[in-house]
Amino acid sequence: MKYLRIIILMGFLSSLFGCGQKSKNPENSSDAINPPMTKPVENISATIDQKERRSNSEKICKSNEIPIYKNPNSLFVEPEKNVKLRAKDEVVDRALALLYLGLKSEGLEQVHLDKMDKDFGISSKLTPTEKAYAFSENPTEQQKTNANWRYESLHVLLWSLGYIDELVYPNQMCHVADDVKIIYQLGADKFREQSKLRSKKEILDQADLILRFDWACVSARVKNENAPGGLNSSVVYERHYALNWLIKFREQDWDHVTTDT
């Protein structure tokens, strides 16, 4: 029986090897409903770790010819002492939910989705917005697109749990099949047991960097320019979304995360 399940699993995954995220444009994107730019809080008395984090991020921006935010007293992530990360089990649950939604967006047959729901306990992990999509017999194209792009958020969560060594420069989409295999080959129990949440510093470093990448993308978009440095603005947005959730930005739940720049 176990061997049969492995064969079935590999059948699932083989259909994903050539798949990537659906084409995304300003009229059909998960971030289209967000305002193009938000006014940052001015005159922050930055802590030492905030200044160091910003300095390191700006070096990376400069090396990739990405514009730097000029005001030295705003556009920071919270100082480390003020941040409490999501618990490991909460991140694991979120990763499993996003995997399910991504597979549904790929058109995986309902019988297989039902099996995944049973094996991984997906229904209890979905948010209200996600349930509206997951249990819909006729989801909209926008719902499908939004769910499909959440693979990029899943990628961030897998990194945060120690399954991916680094978040590479976001100029291209993640390799979906590799990420799916990480979870399916381990199974629900081992995936949870072997997860190890990264340090607050590591996650905040990435949150600060993606904040600056996203600011540059948004700034370019409002000027009708291409994203600088070859950045994929949609990948940047999804990473920003996931990282803000991880650091509990404004204590927002998953359905209501904002990516202020």
Protein backbone atom coordinates (compact mmCIF):
# COMPACT_ATOMS: atom_id res chain seq x y z
CA MET A 1 0.00 0.00 0.00
CA LYS A 2 2.84 2.38 0.84
CA TYR A 3 4.48 1.67 -2.53
CA LEU A 4 1.19 2.40 -4.30
CA ARG A 5 0.91 5.72 -2.49
CA ILE A 6 4.42 6.66 -3.60
CA ILE A 7 3.53 5.89 -7.22
CA ILE A 8 0.40 8.03 -6.95
CA LEU A 9 2.40 10.82 -5.32
CA MET A 10 4.97 10.87 -8.08
CA GLY A 11 2.12 11.05 -10.55
CA PHE A 12 0.93 14.21 -8.79
CA LEU A 13 4.37 15.75 -8.88
CA SER A 14 5.19 14.87 -12.47
CA SER A 15 2.34 17.08 -13.60
CA LEU A 16 4.02 20.01 -11.86
CA PHE A 17 7.54 19.75 -13.27
CA GLY A 18 6.72 21.93 -16.24
CA CYS A 19 4.41 24.24 -14.31
CA GLY A 20 5.12 27.64 -12.94
CA GLN A 21 2.98 30.39 -11.62
CA LYS A 22 0.31 31.74 -13.87
CA SER A 23 1.02 34.89 -15.80
CA LYS A 24 0.46 37.92 -13.65
CA ASN A 25 -0.25 41.48 -14.70
CA PRO A 26 -1.54 44.62 -12.96
CA GLU A 27 -5.14 43.87 -13.96
CA ASN A 28 -5.04 40.24 -12.84
CA SER A 29 -2.89 40.02 -9.78
CA SER A 30 -3.16 39.33 -6.10
CA ASP A 31 -1.69 42.72 -5.22
CA ALA A 32 -3.86 44.77 -7.57
CA ILE A 33 -6.26 45.60 -4.72
CA ASN A 34 -3.50 47.18 -2.65
CA PRO A 35 -2.78 50.90 -2.94
CA PRO A 36 0.31 51.58 -5.07
CA MET A 37 2.17 53.25 -2.24
CA THR A 38 1.64 54.07 1.40
CA LYS A 39 3.15 56.96 3.30
CA PRO A 40 5.87 55.65 5.63
CA VAL A 41 6.09 56.77 9.21
CA GLU A 42 8.61 59.61 9.45
CA ASN A 43 11.22 60.49 12.06
CA ILE A 44 11.90 57.08 13.55
CA SER A 45 14.66 56.94 16.14
CA ALA A 46 16.24 53.82 14.73
CA THR A 47 17.89 51.29 17.00
CA ILE A 48 21.37 49.94 16.31
CA ASP A 49 20.05 46.73 14.80
CA GLN A 50 17.62 48.64 12.58
CA LYS A 51 20.46 50.82 11.27
CA GLU A 52 22.73 47.84 10.67
CA ARG A 53 19.98 45.92 8.94
CA ARG A 54 19.18 48.86 6.69
CA SER A 55 22.84 49.40 5.84
CA ASN A 56 23.33 45.76 4.85
CA SER A 57 20.15 45.77 2.75
CA GLU A 58 21.16 48.96 0.97
CA LYS A 59 24.53 47.44 0.03
CA ILE A 60 22.66 44.62 -1.70
CA CYS A 61 20.36 47.13 -3.41
CA LYS A 62 23.28 49.19 -4.68
CA SER A 63 25.10 46.11 -5.98
CA ASN A 64 22.00 45.31 -8.08
CA GLU A 65 21.38 48.91 -9.20
CA ILE A 66 18.20 49.23 -7.16
CA PRO A 67 17.29 52.74 -5.97
CA ILE A 68 17.74 53.52 -2.28
CA TYR A 69 15.07 55.16 -0.15
CA LYS A 70 16.58 58.50 0.76
CA ASN A 71 14.92 59.50 4.04
CA PRO A 72 17.24 58.16 6.78
CA ASN A 73 14.52 58.37 9.43
CA SER A 74 11.84 56.11 7.98
CA LEU A 75 11.22 52.81 6.19
CA PHE A 76 12.41 50.31 8.77
CA VAL A 77 11.20 46.95 9.98
CA GLU A 78 10.62 46.76 13.72
CA PRO A 79 13.67 46.43 15.98
CA GLU A 80 14.47 42.90 17.02
CA LYS A 81 13.49 43.48 20.65
CA ASN A 82 9.91 44.35 19.62
CA VAL A 83 9.31 41.39 17.32
CA LYS A 84 7.79 38.07 18.27
CA LEU A 85 7.79 35.61 15.39
CA ARG A 86 4.99 33.23 14.49
CA ALA A 87 5.30 29.91 16.29
CA LYS A 88 6.78 27.02 14.34
CA ASP A 89 3.55 25.02 14.30
CA GLU A 90 1.66 28.04 12.98
CA VAL A 91 4.15 28.39 10.13
CA VAL A 92 3.93 24.67 9.35
CA ASP A 93 0.13 24.85 9.21
CA ARG A 94 0.30 27.88 6.92
CA ALA A 95 2.73 26.13 4.58
CA LEU A 96 0.44 23.11 4.29
CA ALA A 97 -2.55 25.33 3.55
CA LEU A 98 -0.67 27.20 0.82
CA LEU A 99 0.45 23.93 -0.75
CA TYR A 100 -3.14 22.72 -0.94
CA LEU A 101 -4.30 25.98 -2.51
CA GLY A 102 -1.49 25.90 -5.03
CA LEU A 103 -2.30 22.35 -6.07
CA LYS A 104 -5.96 23.24 -6.45
CA SER A 105 -4.97 26.17 -8.66
CA GLU A 106 -3.02 23.73 -10.85
CA GLY A 107 -6.22 21.78 -11.46
CA LEU A 108 -5.44 18.75 -9.31
CA GLU A 109 -8.46 16.43 -9.30
CA GLN A 110 -10.81 16.79 -6.34
CA VAL A 111 -10.34 13.18 -5.25
CA HIS A 112 -6.64 13.88 -4.70
CA LEU A 113 -7.34 17.19 -2.99
CA ASP A 114 -9.74 15.40 -0.66
CA LYS A 115 -7.06 12.86 0.18
CA MET A 116 -4.60 15.62 0.94
CA ASP A 117 -7.20 17.32 3.12
CA LYS A 118 -7.63 14.08 5.05
CA ASP A 119 -3.90 13.27 5.32
CA PHE A 120 -2.74 16.79 6.23
CA GLY A 121 -5.83 18.17 8.00
CA ILE A 122 -6.07 21.07 5.58
CA SER A 123 -9.62 22.29 6.25
CA SER A 124 -8.80 23.40 9.79
CA LYS A 125 -5.80 25.39 8.54
CA LEU A 126 -7.57 27.51 5.92
CA THR A 127 -8.55 31.14 6.48
CA PRO A 128 -12.08 32.36 5.63
CA THR A 129 -10.90 33.78 2.29
CA GLU A 130 -9.09 30.56 1.47
CA LYS A 131 -12.13 28.45 2.32
CA ALA A 132 -14.22 30.51 -0.09
CA TYR A 133 -11.84 29.40 -2.84
CA ALA A 134 -11.03 25.89 -1.65
CA PHE A 135 -14.65 24.79 -1.35
CA SER A 136 -15.95 26.57 -4.42
CA GLU A 137 -16.97 24.40 -7.36
CA ASN A 138 -16.60 27.36 -9.73
CA PRO A 139 -13.83 29.63 -8.46
CA THR A 140 -13.05 32.80 -10.37
CA GLU A 141 -9.93 33.19 -12.46
CA GLN A 142 -8.73 35.82 -10.00
CA GLN A 143 -9.06 33.35 -7.12
CA LYS A 144 -7.07 30.77 -9.08
CA THR A 145 -4.36 33.29 -9.91
CA ASN A 146 -4.08 34.49 -6.33
CA ALA A 147 -3.81 30.92 -5.03
CA ASN A 148 -1.24 30.01 -7.66
CA TRP A 149 1.00 32.93 -6.76
CA ARG A 150 0.97 31.87 -3.13
CA TYR A 151 3.57 29.29 -4.14
CA GLU A 152 6.04 32.16 -3.75
CA SER A 153 4.84 32.75 -0.20
CA LEU A 154 5.12 29.00 0.45
CA HIS A 155 8.73 29.19 -0.74
CA VAL A 156 9.47 31.80 1.93
CA LEU A 157 7.85 29.69 4.62
CA LEU A 158 9.88 26.64 3.59
CA TRP A 159 13.01 28.78 3.88
CA SER A 160 11.93 30.03 7.30
CA LEU A 161 11.47 26.42 8.45
CA GLY A 162 14.97 25.45 7.32
CA TYR A 163 14.10 23.42 4.23
CA ILE A 164 15.59 25.89 1.74
CA ASP A 165 19.13 27.15 2.25
CA GLU A 166 18.65 30.70 1.00
CA LEU A 167 16.19 33.05 -0.60
CA VAL A 168 17.91 33.86 -3.87
CA TYR A 169 17.61 37.21 -5.61
CA PRO A 170 13.93 37.56 -6.59
CA ASN A 171 14.25 38.03 -10.32
CA GLN A 172 12.49 34.78 -11.17
CA MET A 173 9.84 32.46 -9.81
CA CYS A 174 10.57 29.56 -7.50
CA HIS A 175 10.68 25.98 -8.78
CA VAL A 176 7.30 24.73 -7.65
CA ALA A 177 7.91 21.00 -8.04
CA ASP A 178 10.95 21.08 -5.76
CA ASP A 179 8.98 22.83 -3.03
CA VAL A 180 6.03 20.46 -3.34
CA LYS A 181 8.31 17.43 -3.06
CA ILE A 182 9.82 18.68 0.20
CA ILE A 183 6.47 18.33 1.95
CA TYR A 184 5.12 15.27 0.18
CA GLN A 185 8.24 13.17 0.55
CA LEU A 186 8.37 13.82 4.29
CA GLY A 187 4.66 13.54 5.01
CA ALA A 188 2.75 15.63 7.52
CA ASP A 189 4.34 14.32 10.72
CA LYS A 190 7.98 14.36 9.65
CA PHE A 191 7.56 17.71 7.93
CA ARG A 192 6.42 19.18 11.23
CA GLU A 193 8.98 17.34 13.35
CA GLN A 194 11.96 18.25 11.18
CA SER A 195 11.01 21.90 10.79
CA LYS A 196 13.24 24.33 12.65
CA LEU A 197 12.26 27.98 12.60
CA ARG A 198 15.10 30.31 11.68
CA SER A 199 16.34 32.96 14.06
CA LYS A 200 14.61 36.29 14.48
CA LYS A 201 17.68 38.02 13.04
CA GLU A 202 17.66 35.94 9.86
CA ILE A 203 13.97 36.55 9.24
CA LEU A 204 14.18 40.27 10.01
CA ASP A 205 17.17 40.62 7.68
CA GLN A 206 15.07 39.23 4.86
CA ALA A 207 12.06 41.32 5.87
CA ASP A 208 14.13 44.50 5.71
CA LEU A 209 15.63 43.60 2.34
CA ILE A 210 12.30 42.72 0.75
CA LEU A 211 10.80 45.94 2.14
CA ARG A 212 13.39 47.89 0.16
CA PHE A 213 12.97 45.76 -2.94
CA ASP A 214 9.21 46.26 -2.79
CA TRP A 215 9.56 50.01 -2.24
CA ALA A 216 11.70 50.19 -5.40
CA CYS A 217 9.17 48.10 -7.38
CA VAL A 218 6.21 50.20 -6.24
CA SER A 219 8.09 53.43 -6.91
CA ALA A 220 8.87 52.24 -10.44
CA ARG A 221 5.28 51.15 -11.05
CA VAL A 222 3.79 54.52 -10.15
CA LYS A 223 6.21 56.07 -12.65
CA ASN A 224 5.20 53.55 -15.33
CA GLU A 225 8.72 52.12 -15.31
CA ASN A 226 9.96 48.55 -15.22
CA ALA A 227 11.02 47.12 -11.87
CA PRO A 228 14.68 47.98 -11.28
CA GLY A 229 17.52 45.51 -11.11
CA GLY A 230 15.58 42.86 -13.02
CA LEU A 231 13.34 42.26 -10.01
CA ASN A 232 10.14 40.30 -10.55
CA SER A 233 7.71 42.59 -8.75
CA SER A 234 5.14 39.83 -8.24
CA VAL A 235 7.68 37.54 -6.58
CA VAL A 236 8.84 40.47 -4.44
CA TYR A 237 5.26 41.19 -3.38
CA GLU A 238 4.54 37.59 -2.36
CA ARG A 239 7.78 37.38 -0.37
CA HIS A 240 6.98 40.67 1.34
CA TYR A 241 3.52 39.34 2.22
CA ALA A 242 4.87 36.14 3.78
CA LEU A 243 7.69 37.86 5.66
CA ASN A 244 5.35 40.49 7.10
CA TRP A 245 3.12 37.69 8.33
CA LEU A 246 6.11 35.89 9.88
CA ILE A 247 7.16 38.97 11.87
CA LYS A 248 3.53 39.73 12.84
CA PHE A 249 3.53 43.07 11.08
CA ARG A 250 0.82 45.14 12.79
CA GLU A 251 -0.52 41.87 14.26
CA GLN A 252 -2.37 41.22 10.99
CA ASP A 253 -3.82 37.79 10.23
CA TRP A 254 -3.03 36.08 6.93
CA ASP A 255 -6.07 37.35 5.03
CA HIS A 256 -5.29 40.96 5.96
CA VAL A 257 -1.52 41.29 5.68
CA THR A 258 -0.42 44.59 4.19
CA THR A 259 2.86 45.32 2.45
CA ASP A 260 3.35 48.97 3.28
CA THR A 261 6.20 50.75 1.56
